[in-house]
Amino acid sequence: MQISGPFSVSVIDNTDTQSRELHLSFKPAFQRQPLAARVETVLAHMQGLQESMEQESDDAARQGMLMMLQIVEELYPHIEQDEIPLDETIVIEMGASSPLDKLLQGAVWR
């Protein structure tokens, strides 16, 4: 599965807390865009995730896409208002097992 988007995604296993962290870092090309273009990019990404979910037959992958869509939807108003420092990494703590596991397994991020 190939996943495009305005950020790079990685999952980090935190051995100290026995949890996992989802790290989202905005790609340099996204950071260089003017605000209006960044907003359009995020809207297109949300639409692409929605379309991919509708076409996906694997329930676990679809659930991972839904979780990713929900994260992007939460970030959207802050991106729209230019409130997020784009050069910082957003860290989201997850449980030991997550719906994103299936989605990220074997995914190629562009």
PDB file of N, CA and C in Angstrom:
ATOM      1  N   MET A   1       0.844  -1.167   0.000  1.00  0.00           N
ATOM      2  CA  MET A   1       0.000   0.000   0.000  1.00  0.00           C
ATOM      3  C   MET A   1       0.892   1.233   0.000  1.00  0.00           C
ATOM      4  N   GLN A   2       0.551   2.202  -0.802  1.00  0.00           N
ATOM      5  CA  GLN A   2       1.307   3.442  -0.867  1.00  0.00           C
ATOM      6  C   GLN A   2       0.456   4.550  -0.258  1.00  0.00           C
ATOM      7  N   ILE A   3       1.051   5.273   0.686  1.00  0.00           N
ATOM      8  CA  ILE A   3       0.326   6.310   1.390  1.00  0.00           C
ATOM      9  C   ILE A   3       1.033   7.631   1.167  1.00  0.00           C
ATOM     10  N   SER A   4       0.320   8.579   0.584  1.00  0.00           N
ATOM     11  CA  SER A   4       0.870   9.912   0.376  1.00  0.00           C
ATOM     12  C   SER A   4       0.258  10.843   1.402  1.00  0.00           C
ATOM     13  N   GLY A   5       0.970  11.884   1.732  1.00  0.00           N
ATOM     14  CA  GLY A   5       0.414  12.834   2.677  1.00  0.00           C
ATOM     15  C   GLY A   5       1.396  13.943   2.961  1.00  0.00           C
ATOM     16  N   PRO A   6       0.955  14.935   3.716  1.00  0.00           N
ATOM     17  CA  PRO A   6       1.801  16.091   4.006  1.00  0.00           C
ATOM     18  C   PRO A   6       2.828  15.845   5.106  1.00  0.00           C
ATOM     19  N   PHE A   7       2.821  14.656   5.706  1.00  0.00           N
ATOM     20  CA  PHE A   7       3.764  14.382   6.786  1.00  0.00           C
ATOM     21  C   PHE A   7       4.337  12.979   6.688  1.00  0.00           C
ATOM     22  N   SER A   8       5.462  12.813   7.352  1.00  0.00           N
ATOM     23  CA  SER A   8       6.077  11.503   7.503  1.00  0.00           C
ATOM     24  C   SER A   8       5.543  10.908   8.800  1.00  0.00           C
ATOM     25  N   VAL A   9       5.355   9.600   8.802  1.00  0.00           N
ATOM     26  CA  VAL A   9       4.792   8.927   9.962  1.00  0.00           C
ATOM     27  C   VAL A   9       5.737   7.821  10.392  1.00  0.00           C
ATOM     28  N   SER A  10       5.960   7.732  11.696  1.00  0.00           N
ATOM     29  CA  SER A  10       6.728   6.608  12.223  1.00  0.00           C
ATOM     30  C   SER A  10       6.123   6.187  13.553  1.00  0.00           C
ATOM     31  N   VAL A  11       6.319   4.931  13.897  1.00  0.00           N
ATOM     32  CA  VAL A  11       5.845   4.392  15.167  1.00  0.00           C
ATOM     33  C   VAL A  11       7.068   4.018  15.982  1.00  0.00           C
ATOM     34  N   ILE A  12       7.114   4.510  17.202  1.00  0.00           N
ATOM     35  CA  ILE A  12       8.238   4.277  18.100  1.00  0.00           C
ATOM     36  C   ILE A  12       7.737   3.462  19.289  1.00  0.00           C
ATOM     37  N   ASP A  13       8.404   2.353  19.583  1.00  0.00           N
ATOM     38  CA  ASP A  13       8.082   1.574  20.777  1.00  0.00           C
ATOM     39  C   ASP A  13       8.852   2.168  21.950  1.00  0.00           C
ATOM     40  N   ASN A  14       8.127   2.632  22.959  1.00  0.00           N
ATOM     41  CA  ASN A  14       8.737   3.220  24.143  1.00  0.00           C
ATOM     42  C   ASN A  14       8.854   2.134  25.205  1.00  0.00           C
ATOM     43  N   THR A  15      10.052   1.622  25.392  1.00  0.00           N
ATOM     44  CA  THR A  15      10.254   0.516  26.337  1.00  0.00           C
ATOM     45  C   THR A  15      10.088   0.966  27.785  1.00  0.00           C
ATOM     46  N   ASP A  16      10.285   2.254  28.056  1.00  0.00           N
ATOM     47  CA  ASP A  16      10.127   2.751  29.427  1.00  0.00           C
ATOM     48  C   ASP A  16       8.669   2.702  29.883  1.00  0.00           C
ATOM     49  N   THR A  17       7.762   3.065  29.009  1.00  0.00           N
ATOM     50  CA  THR A  17       6.344   3.130  29.382  1.00  0.00           C
ATOM     51  C   THR A  17       5.533   1.953  28.839  1.00  0.00           C
ATOM     52  N   GLN A  18       6.167   1.075  28.077  1.00  0.00           N
ATOM     53  CA  GLN A  18       5.476  -0.063  27.458  1.00  0.00           C
ATOM     54  C   GLN A  18       4.349   0.384  26.532  1.00  0.00           C
ATOM     55  N   SER A  19       4.498   1.567  25.965  1.00  0.00           N
ATOM     56  CA  SER A  19       3.503   2.070  25.024  1.00  0.00           C
ATOM     57  C   SER A  19       4.189   2.354  23.702  1.00  0.00           C
ATOM     58  N   ARG A  20       3.398   2.767  22.753  1.00  0.00           N
ATOM     59  CA  ARG A  20       3.919   3.119  21.437  1.00  0.00           C
ATOM     60  C   ARG A  20       3.565   4.560  21.162  1.00  0.00           C
ATOM     61  N   GLU A  21       4.413   5.193  20.371  1.00  0.00           N
ATOM     62  CA  GLU A  21       4.179   6.585  20.006  1.00  0.00           C
ATOM     63  C   GLU A  21       4.110   6.703  18.491  1.00  0.00           C
ATOM     64  N   LEU A  22       3.141   7.449  18.031  1.00  0.00           N
ATOM     65  CA  LEU A  22       3.021   7.789  16.618  1.00  0.00           C
ATOM     66  C   LEU A  22       3.653   9.159  16.445  1.00  0.00           C
ATOM     67  N   HIS A  23       4.670   9.248  15.592  1.00  0.00           N
ATOM     68  CA  HIS A  23       5.359  10.513  15.349  1.00  0.00           C
ATOM     69  C   HIS A  23       4.977  11.034  13.971  1.00  0.00           C
ATOM     70  N   LEU A  24       4.431  12.238  13.918  1.00  0.00           N
ATOM     71  CA  LEU A  24       4.065  12.896  12.669  1.00  0.00           C
ATOM     72  C   LEU A  24       4.980  14.099  12.485  1.00  0.00           C
ATOM     73  N   SER A  25       5.693  14.125  11.378  1.00  0.00           N
ATOM     74  CA  SER A  25       6.563  15.253  11.048  1.00  0.00           C
ATOM     75  C   SER A  25       6.149  15.791   9.688  1.00  0.00           C
ATOM     76  N   PHE A  26       5.938  17.079   9.600  1.00  0.00           N
ATOM     77  CA  PHE A  26       5.530  17.671   8.332  1.00  0.00           C
ATOM     78  C   PHE A  26       6.693  17.645   7.350  1.00  0.00           C
ATOM     79  N   LYS A  27       6.419  17.247   6.132  1.00  0.00           N
ATOM     80  CA  LYS A  27       7.446  17.163   5.099  1.00  0.00           C
ATOM     81  C   LYS A  27       7.919  18.564   4.711  1.00  0.00           C
ATOM     82  N   PRO A  28       9.201  18.688   4.328  1.00  0.00           N
ATOM     83  CA  PRO A  28       9.737  20.004   3.952  1.00  0.00           C
ATOM     84  C   PRO A  28       8.939  20.695   2.843  1.00  0.00           C
ATOM     85  N   ALA A  29       8.485  19.949   1.852  1.00  0.00           N
ATOM     86  CA  ALA A  29       7.710  20.568   0.764  1.00  0.00           C
ATOM     87  C   ALA A  29       6.418  21.182   1.303  1.00  0.00           C
ATOM     88  N   PHE A  30       5.780  20.514   2.256  1.00  0.00           N
ATOM     89  CA  PHE A  30       4.560  21.032   2.871  1.00  0.00           C
ATOM     90  C   PHE A  30       4.884  22.288   3.681  1.00  0.00           C
ATOM     91  N   GLN A  31       5.993  22.258   4.408  1.00  0.00           N
ATOM     92  CA  GLN A  31       6.396  23.403   5.227  1.00  0.00           C
ATOM     93  C   GLN A  31       6.624  24.653   4.386  1.00  0.00           C
ATOM     94  N   ARG A  32       7.115  24.480   3.159  1.00  0.00           N
ATOM     95  CA  ARG A  32       7.417  25.620   2.286  1.00  0.00           C
ATOM     96  C   ARG A  32       6.185  26.207   1.609  1.00  0.00           C
ATOM     97  N   GLN A  33       5.075  25.484   1.613  1.00  0.00           N
ATOM     98  CA  GLN A  33       3.867  25.970   0.941  1.00  0.00           C
ATOM     99  C   GLN A  33       3.269  27.162   1.678  1.00  0.00           C
ATOM    100  N   PRO A  34       2.636  28.079   0.937  1.00  0.00           N
ATOM    101  CA  PRO A  34       1.876  29.139   1.616  1.00  0.00           C
ATOM    102  C   PRO A  34       0.675  28.513   2.339  1.00  0.00           C
ATOM    103  N   LEU A  35       0.138  29.228   3.284  1.00  0.00           N
ATOM    104  CA  LEU A  35      -0.941  28.705   4.122  1.00  0.00           C
ATOM    105  C   LEU A  35      -2.101  28.141   3.305  1.00  0.00           C
ATOM    106  N   ALA A  36      -2.572  28.863   2.322  1.00  0.00           N
ATOM    107  CA  ALA A  36      -3.724  28.396   1.522  1.00  0.00           C
ATOM    108  C   ALA A  36      -3.419  27.057   0.854  1.00  0.00           C
ATOM    109  N   ALA A  37      -2.212  26.872   0.373  1.00  0.00           N
ATOM    110  CA  ALA A  37      -1.827  25.611  -0.270  1.00  0.00           C
ATOM    111  C   ALA A  37      -1.733  24.491   0.762  1.00  0.00           C
ATOM    112  N   ARG A  38      -1.252  24.810   1.973  1.00  0.00           N
ATOM    113  CA  ARG A  38      -1.186  23.787   3.030  1.00  0.00           C
ATOM    114  C   ARG A  38      -2.586  23.319   3.398  1.00  0.00           C
ATOM    115  N   VAL A  39      -3.513  24.253   3.511  1.00  0.00           N
ATOM    116  CA  VAL A  39      -4.900  23.904   3.838  1.00  0.00           C
ATOM    117  C   VAL A  39      -5.471  23.001   2.750  1.00  0.00           C
ATOM    118  N   GLU A  40      -5.243  23.354   1.498  1.00  0.00           N
ATOM    119  CA  GLU A  40      -5.742  22.549   0.373  1.00  0.00           C
ATOM    120  C   GLU A  40      -5.103  21.163   0.373  1.00  0.00           C
ATOM    121  N   THR A  41      -3.833  21.078   0.685  1.00  0.00           N
ATOM    122  CA  THR A  41      -3.134  19.795   0.740  1.00  0.00           C
ATOM    123  C   THR A  41      -3.736  18.889   1.810  1.00  0.00           C
ATOM    124  N   VAL A  42      -4.020  19.455   2.977  1.00  0.00           N
ATOM    125  CA  VAL A  42      -4.601  18.659   4.067  1.00  0.00           C
ATOM    126  C   VAL A  42      -6.017  18.213   3.704  1.00  0.00           C
ATOM    127  N   LEU A  43      -6.798  19.109   3.105  1.00  0.00           N
ATOM    128  CA  LEU A  43      -8.154  18.722   2.675  1.00  0.00           C
ATOM    129  C   LEU A  43      -8.099  17.590   1.658  1.00  0.00           C
ATOM    130  N   ALA A  44      -7.181  17.683   0.713  1.00  0.00           N
ATOM    131  CA  ALA A  44      -7.030  16.627  -0.299  1.00  0.00           C
ATOM    132  C   ALA A  44      -6.583  15.325   0.350  1.00  0.00           C
ATOM    133  N   HIS A  45      -5.717  15.422   1.350  1.00  0.00           N
ATOM    134  CA  HIS A  45      -5.263  14.219   2.056  1.00  0.00           C
ATOM    135  C   HIS A  45      -6.422  13.548   2.787  1.00  0.00           C
ATOM    136  N   MET A  46      -7.265  14.345   3.441  1.00  0.00           N
ATOM    137  CA  MET A  46      -8.428  13.777   4.131  1.00  0.00           C
ATOM    138  C   MET A  46      -9.373  13.102   3.138  1.00  0.00           C
ATOM    139  N   GLN A  47      -9.585  13.747   2.004  1.00  0.00           N
ATOM    140  CA  GLN A  47     -10.451  13.165   0.984  1.00  0.00           C
ATOM    141  C   GLN A  47      -9.843  11.863   0.455  1.00  0.00           C
ATOM    142  N   GLY A  48      -8.533  11.852   0.236  1.00  0.00           N
ATOM    143  CA  GLY A  48      -7.859  10.645  -0.238  1.00  0.00           C
ATOM    144  C   GLY A  48      -7.954   9.504   0.764  1.00  0.00           C
ATOM    145  N   LEU A  49      -7.807   9.824   2.050  1.00  0.00           N
ATOM    146  CA  LEU A  49      -7.956   8.792   3.080  1.00  0.00           C
ATOM    147  C   LEU A  49      -9.374   8.220   3.067  1.00  0.00           C
ATOM    148  N   GLN A  50     -10.362   9.109   2.949  1.00  0.00           N
ATOM    149  CA  GLN A  50     -11.762   8.660   2.921  1.00  0.00           C
ATOM    150  C   GLN A  50     -12.005   7.733   1.727  1.00  0.00           C
ATOM    151  N   GLU A  51     -11.505   8.114   0.567  1.00  0.00           N
ATOM    152  CA  GLU A  51     -11.681   7.287  -0.631  1.00  0.00           C
ATOM    153  C   GLU A  51     -10.956   5.951  -0.491  1.00  0.00           C
ATOM    154  N   SER A  52      -9.763   5.966   0.068  1.00  0.00           N
ATOM    155  CA  SER A  52      -9.015   4.727   0.269  1.00  0.00           C
ATOM    156  C   SER A  52      -9.732   3.796   1.239  1.00  0.00           C
ATOM    157  N   MET A  53     -10.330   4.378   2.280  1.00  0.00           N
ATOM    158  CA  MET A  53     -11.090   3.566   3.239  1.00  0.00           C
ATOM    159  C   MET A  53     -12.258   2.873   2.558  1.00  0.00           C
ATOM    160  N   GLU A  54     -12.937   3.588   1.680  1.00  0.00           N
ATOM    161  CA  GLU A  54     -14.094   3.024   0.999  1.00  0.00           C
ATOM    162  C   GLU A  54     -13.710   1.883   0.068  1.00  0.00           C
ATOM    163  N   GLN A  55     -12.489   1.919  -0.456  1.00  0.00           N
ATOM    164  CA  GLN A  55     -12.036   0.889  -1.391  1.00  0.00           C
ATOM    165  C   GLN A  55     -11.335  -0.273  -0.698  1.00  0.00           C
ATOM    166  N   GLU A  56     -10.910  -0.085   0.542  1.00  0.00           N
ATOM    167  CA  GLU A  56     -10.143  -1.099   1.269  1.00  0.00           C
ATOM    168  C   GLU A  56     -11.056  -2.226   1.744  1.00  0.00           C
ATOM    169  N   SER A  57     -10.655  -3.460   1.493  1.00  0.00           N
ATOM    170  CA  SER A  57     -11.467  -4.603   1.914  1.00  0.00           C
ATOM    171  C   SER A  57     -11.022  -5.161   3.260  1.00  0.00           C
ATOM    172  N   ASP A  58      -9.817  -4.874   3.682  1.00  0.00           N
ATOM    173  CA  ASP A  58      -9.289  -5.382   4.951  1.00  0.00           C
ATOM    174  C   ASP A  58      -9.774  -4.488   6.100  1.00  0.00           C
ATOM    175  N   ASP A  59     -10.531  -5.080   7.020  1.00  0.00           N
ATOM    176  CA  ASP A  59     -11.112  -4.306   8.125  1.00  0.00           C
ATOM    177  C   ASP A  59     -10.051  -3.636   8.994  1.00  0.00           C
ATOM    178  N   ALA A  60      -8.959  -4.346   9.276  1.00  0.00           N
ATOM    179  CA  ALA A  60      -7.908  -3.789  10.133  1.00  0.00           C
ATOM    180  C   ALA A  60      -7.241  -2.587   9.456  1.00  0.00           C
ATOM    181  N   ALA A  61      -6.970  -2.696   8.168  1.00  0.00           N
ATOM    182  CA  ALA A  61      -6.366  -1.577   7.435  1.00  0.00           C
ATOM    183  C   ALA A  61      -7.336  -0.401   7.385  1.00  0.00           C
ATOM    184  N   ARG A  62      -8.608  -0.695   7.164  1.00  0.00           N
ATOM    185  CA  ARG A  62      -9.619   0.361   7.121  1.00  0.00           C
ATOM    186  C   ARG A  62      -9.725   1.068   8.476  1.00  0.00           C
ATOM    187  N   GLN A  63      -9.632   0.311   9.560  1.00  0.00           N
ATOM    188  CA  GLN A  63      -9.691   0.899  10.893  1.00  0.00           C
ATOM    189  C   GLN A  63      -8.462   1.789  11.139  1.00  0.00           C
ATOM    190  N   GLY A  64      -7.303   1.373  10.652  1.00  0.00           N
ATOM    191  CA  GLY A  64      -6.098   2.192  10.763  1.00  0.00           C
ATOM    192  C   GLY A  64      -6.229   3.486   9.979  1.00  0.00           C
ATOM    193  N   MET A  65      -6.817   3.396   8.779  1.00  0.00           N
ATOM    194  CA  MET A  65      -7.042   4.601   7.974  1.00  0.00           C
ATOM    195  C   MET A  65      -8.007   5.545   8.674  1.00  0.00           C
ATOM    196  N   LEU A  66      -9.027   4.974   9.305  1.00  0.00           N
ATOM    197  CA  LEU A  66      -9.994   5.794  10.032  1.00  0.00           C
ATOM    198  C   LEU A  66      -9.304   6.528  11.179  1.00  0.00           C
ATOM    199  N   MET A  67      -8.437   5.826  11.891  1.00  0.00           N
ATOM    200  CA  MET A  67      -7.716   6.455  12.991  1.00  0.00           C
ATOM    201  C   MET A  67      -6.835   7.594  12.468  1.00  0.00           C
ATOM    202  N   MET A  68      -6.163   7.359  11.348  1.00  0.00           N
ATOM    203  CA  MET A  68      -5.316   8.394  10.751  1.00  0.00           C
ATOM    204  C   MET A  68      -6.167   9.583  10.296  1.00  0.00           C
ATOM    205  N   LEU A  69      -7.316   9.306   9.692  1.00  0.00           N
ATOM    206  CA  LEU A  69      -8.223  10.362   9.257  1.00  0.00           C
ATOM    207  C   LEU A  69      -8.675  11.196  10.456  1.00  0.00           C
ATOM    208  N   GLN A  70      -8.989  10.547  11.558  1.00  0.00           N
ATOM    209  CA  GLN A  70      -9.428  11.267  12.751  1.00  0.00           C
ATOM    210  C   GLN A  70      -8.322  12.173  13.286  1.00  0.00           C
ATOM    211  N   ILE A  71      -7.083  11.712  13.233  1.00  0.00           N
ATOM    212  CA  ILE A  71      -5.958  12.532  13.677  1.00  0.00           C
ATOM    213  C   ILE A  71      -5.832  13.767  12.782  1.00  0.00           C
ATOM    214  N   VAL A  72      -5.907  13.550  11.474  1.00  0.00           N
ATOM    215  CA  VAL A  72      -5.773  14.671  10.530  1.00  0.00           C
ATOM    216  C   VAL A  72      -6.935  15.649  10.699  1.00  0.00           C
ATOM    217  N   GLU A  73      -8.138  15.125  10.934  1.00  0.00           N
ATOM    218  CA  GLU A  73      -9.292  15.999  11.162  1.00  0.00           C
ATOM    219  C   GLU A  73      -9.097  16.861  12.415  1.00  0.00           C
ATOM    220  N   GLU A  74      -8.469  16.301  13.440  1.00  0.00           N
ATOM    221  CA  GLU A  74      -8.187  17.068  14.658  1.00  0.00           C
ATOM    222  C   GLU A  74      -7.131  18.141  14.414  1.00  0.00           C
ATOM    223  N   LEU A  75      -6.160  17.839  13.548  1.00  0.00           N
ATOM    224  CA  LEU A  75      -5.100  18.801  13.247  1.00  0.00           C
ATOM    225  C   LEU A  75      -5.568  19.908  12.300  1.00  0.00           C
ATOM    226  N   TYR A  76      -6.536  19.593  11.451  1.00  0.00           N
ATOM    227  CA  TYR A  76      -6.946  20.499  10.379  1.00  0.00           C
ATOM    228  C   TYR A  76      -7.245  21.932  10.839  1.00  0.00           C
ATOM    229  N   PRO A  77      -8.105  22.146  11.863  1.00  0.00           N
ATOM    230  CA  PRO A  77      -8.407  23.530  12.236  1.00  0.00           C
ATOM    231  C   PRO A  77      -7.160  24.301  12.690  1.00  0.00           C
ATOM    232  N   HIS A  78      -6.203  23.601  13.274  1.00  0.00           N
ATOM    233  CA  HIS A  78      -4.977  24.245  13.737  1.00  0.00           C
ATOM    234  C   HIS A  78      -4.045  24.565  12.562  1.00  0.00           C
ATOM    235  N   ILE A  79      -4.088  23.723  11.547  1.00  0.00           N
ATOM    236  CA  ILE A  79      -3.324  24.006  10.325  1.00  0.00           C
ATOM    237  C   ILE A  79      -3.973  25.185   9.602  1.00  0.00           C
ATOM    238  N   GLU A  80      -5.290  25.167   9.539  1.00  0.00           N
ATOM    239  CA  GLU A  80      -6.033  26.234   8.865  1.00  0.00           C
ATOM    240  C   GLU A  80      -5.764  27.600   9.520  1.00  0.00           C
ATOM    241  N   GLN A  81      -5.595  27.604  10.834  1.00  0.00           N
ATOM    242  CA  GLN A  81      -5.335  28.853  11.561  1.00  0.00           C
ATOM    243  C   GLN A  81      -3.837  29.131  11.717  1.00  0.00           C
ATOM    244  N   ASP A  82      -3.011  28.283  11.106  1.00  0.00           N
ATOM    245  CA  ASP A  82      -1.545  28.434  11.135  1.00  0.00           C
ATOM    246  C   ASP A  82      -1.019  28.452  12.572  1.00  0.00           C
ATOM    247  N   GLU A  83      -1.538  27.533  13.390  1.00  0.00           N
ATOM    248  CA  GLU A  83      -1.195  27.478  14.806  1.00  0.00           C
ATOM    249  C   GLU A  83      -0.158  26.404  15.143  1.00  0.00           C
ATOM    250  N   ILE A  84       0.199  25.567  14.181  1.00  0.00           N
ATOM    251  CA  ILE A  84       1.115  24.457  14.456  1.00  0.00           C
ATOM    252  C   ILE A  84       2.491  24.788  13.904  1.00  0.00           C
ATOM    253  N   PRO A  85       3.530  24.712  14.750  1.00  0.00           N
ATOM    254  CA  PRO A  85       4.889  24.887  14.225  1.00  0.00           C
ATOM    255  C   PRO A  85       5.231  23.688  13.331  1.00  0.00           C
ATOM    256  N   LEU A  86       5.437  23.938  12.073  1.00  0.00           N
ATOM    257  CA  LEU A  86       5.600  22.860  11.103  1.00  0.00           C
ATOM    258  C   LEU A  86       6.954  22.174  11.180  1.00  0.00           C
ATOM    259  N   ASP A  87       7.886  22.750  11.903  1.00  0.00           N
ATOM    260  CA  ASP A  87       9.209  22.137  12.002  1.00  0.00           C
ATOM    261  C   ASP A  87       9.333  21.236  13.231  1.00  0.00           C
ATOM    262  N   GLU A  88       8.247  21.042  13.963  1.00  0.00           N
ATOM    263  CA  GLU A  88       8.258  20.173  15.133  1.00  0.00           C
ATOM    264  C   GLU A  88       7.521  18.878  14.837  1.00  0.00           C
ATOM    265  N   THR A  89       7.862  17.842  15.596  1.00  0.00           N
ATOM    266  CA  THR A  89       7.217  16.537  15.450  1.00  0.00           C
ATOM    267  C   THR A  89       6.061  16.439  16.431  1.00  0.00           C
ATOM    268  N   ILE A  90       4.918  15.990  15.945  1.00  0.00           N
ATOM    269  CA  ILE A  90       3.747  15.764  16.784  1.00  0.00           C
ATOM    270  C   ILE A  90       3.828  14.322  17.274  1.00  0.00           C
ATOM    271  N   VAL A  91       3.729  14.125  18.591  1.00  0.00           N
ATOM    272  CA  VAL A  91       3.828  12.795  19.189  1.00  0.00           C
ATOM    273  C   VAL A  91       2.482  12.435  19.789  1.00  0.00           C
ATOM    274  N   ILE A  92       1.957  11.282  19.384  1.00  0.00           N
ATOM    275  CA  ILE A  92       0.678  10.784  19.890  1.00  0.00           C
ATOM    276  C   ILE A  92       0.946   9.439  20.546  1.00  0.00           C
ATOM    277  N   GLU A  93       0.602   9.334  21.815  1.00  0.00           N
ATOM    278  CA  GLU A  93       0.821   8.074  22.524  1.00  0.00           C
ATOM    279  C   GLU A  93      -0.316   7.115  22.211  1.00  0.00           C
ATOM    280  N   MET A  94       0.061   5.877  21.897  1.00  0.00           N
ATOM    281  CA  MET A  94      -0.919   4.834  21.572  1.00  0.00           C
ATOM    282  C   MET A  94      -0.737   3.690  22.558  1.00  0.00           C
ATOM    283  N   GLY A  95      -1.677   2.780  22.571  1.00  0.00           N
ATOM    284  CA  GLY A  95      -1.537   1.584  23.382  1.00  0.00           C
ATOM    285  C   GLY A  95      -0.539   0.629  22.758  1.00  0.00           C
ATOM    286  N   ALA A  96      -0.341  -0.503  23.401  1.00  0.00           N
ATOM    287  CA  ALA A  96       0.618  -1.491  22.914  1.00  0.00           C
ATOM    288  C   ALA A  96       0.220  -2.034  21.543  1.00  0.00           C
ATOM    289  N   SER A  97      -1.067  -2.085  21.278  1.00  0.00           N
ATOM    290  CA  SER A  97      -1.568  -2.522  19.974  1.00  0.00           C
ATOM    291  C   SER A  97      -2.503  -1.437  19.457  1.00  0.00           C
ATOM    292  N   SER A  98      -2.439  -1.167  18.169  1.00  0.00           N
ATOM    293  CA  SER A  98      -3.218  -0.070  17.609  1.00  0.00           C
ATOM    294  C   SER A  98      -3.781  -0.456  16.253  1.00  0.00           C
ATOM    295  N   PRO A  99      -4.913   0.135  15.857  1.00  0.00           N
ATOM    296  CA  PRO A  99      -5.429  -0.098  14.511  1.00  0.00           C
ATOM    297  C   PRO A  99      -4.449   0.340  13.427  1.00  0.00           C
ATOM    298  N   LEU A 100      -3.524   1.218  13.775  1.00  0.00           N
ATOM    299  CA  LEU A 100      -2.547   1.677  12.784  1.00  0.00           C
ATOM    300  C   LEU A 100      -1.512   0.614  12.453  1.00  0.00           C
ATOM    301  N   ASP A 101      -1.373  -0.407  13.299  1.00  0.00           N
ATOM    302  CA  ASP A 101      -0.381  -1.450  13.048  1.00  0.00           C
ATOM    303  C   ASP A 101      -0.551  -2.071  11.663  1.00  0.00           C
ATOM    304  N   LYS A 102      -1.747  -2.475  11.341  1.00  0.00           N
ATOM    305  CA  LYS A 102      -2.010  -3.117  10.049  1.00  0.00           C
ATOM    306  C   LYS A 102      -1.790  -2.141   8.901  1.00  0.00           C
ATOM    307  N   LEU A 103      -2.204  -0.892   9.089  1.00  0.00           N
ATOM    308  CA  LEU A 103      -2.055   0.114   8.049  1.00  0.00           C
ATOM    309  C   LEU A 103      -0.578   0.392   7.773  1.00  0.00           C
ATOM    310  N   LEU A 104       0.208   0.531   8.819  1.00  0.00           N
ATOM    311  CA  LEU A 104       1.609   0.903   8.671  1.00  0.00           C
ATOM    312  C   LEU A 104       2.483  -0.277   8.257  1.00  0.00           C
ATOM    313  N   GLN A 105       2.009  -1.481   8.501  1.00  0.00           N
ATOM    314  CA  GLN A 105       2.781  -2.665   8.151  1.00  0.00           C
ATOM    315  C   GLN A 105       2.870  -2.776   6.619  1.00  0.00           C
ATOM    316  N   GLY A 106       4.049  -2.621   6.116  1.00  0.00           N
ATOM    317  CA  GLY A 106       4.249  -2.734   4.665  1.00  0.00           C
ATOM    318  C   GLY A 106       3.873  -1.497   3.882  1.00  0.00           C
ATOM    319  N   ALA A 107       3.493  -0.423   4.562  1.00  0.00           N
ATOM    320  CA  ALA A 107       3.122   0.798   3.841  1.00  0.00           C
ATOM    321  C   ALA A 107       4.371   1.514   3.332  1.00  0.00           C
ATOM    322  N   VAL A 108       4.220   2.183   2.221  1.00  0.00           N
ATOM    323  CA  VAL A 108       5.285   3.012   1.658  1.00  0.00           C
ATOM    324  C   VAL A 108       4.766   4.434   1.691  1.00  0.00           C
ATOM    325  N   TRP A 109       5.433   5.302   2.467  1.00  0.00           N
ATOM    326  CA  TRP A 109       5.007   6.697   2.599  1.00  0.00           C
ATOM    327  C   TRP A 109       5.753   7.534   1.590  1.00  0.00           C
ATOM    328  N   ARG A 110       5.045   8.377   0.857  1.00  0.00           N
ATOM    329  CA  ARG A 110       5.661   9.270  -0.134  1.00  0.00           C
ATOM    330  C   ARG A 110       5.502  10.688   0.307  1.00  0.00           C
TER     331      ARG A 110
END
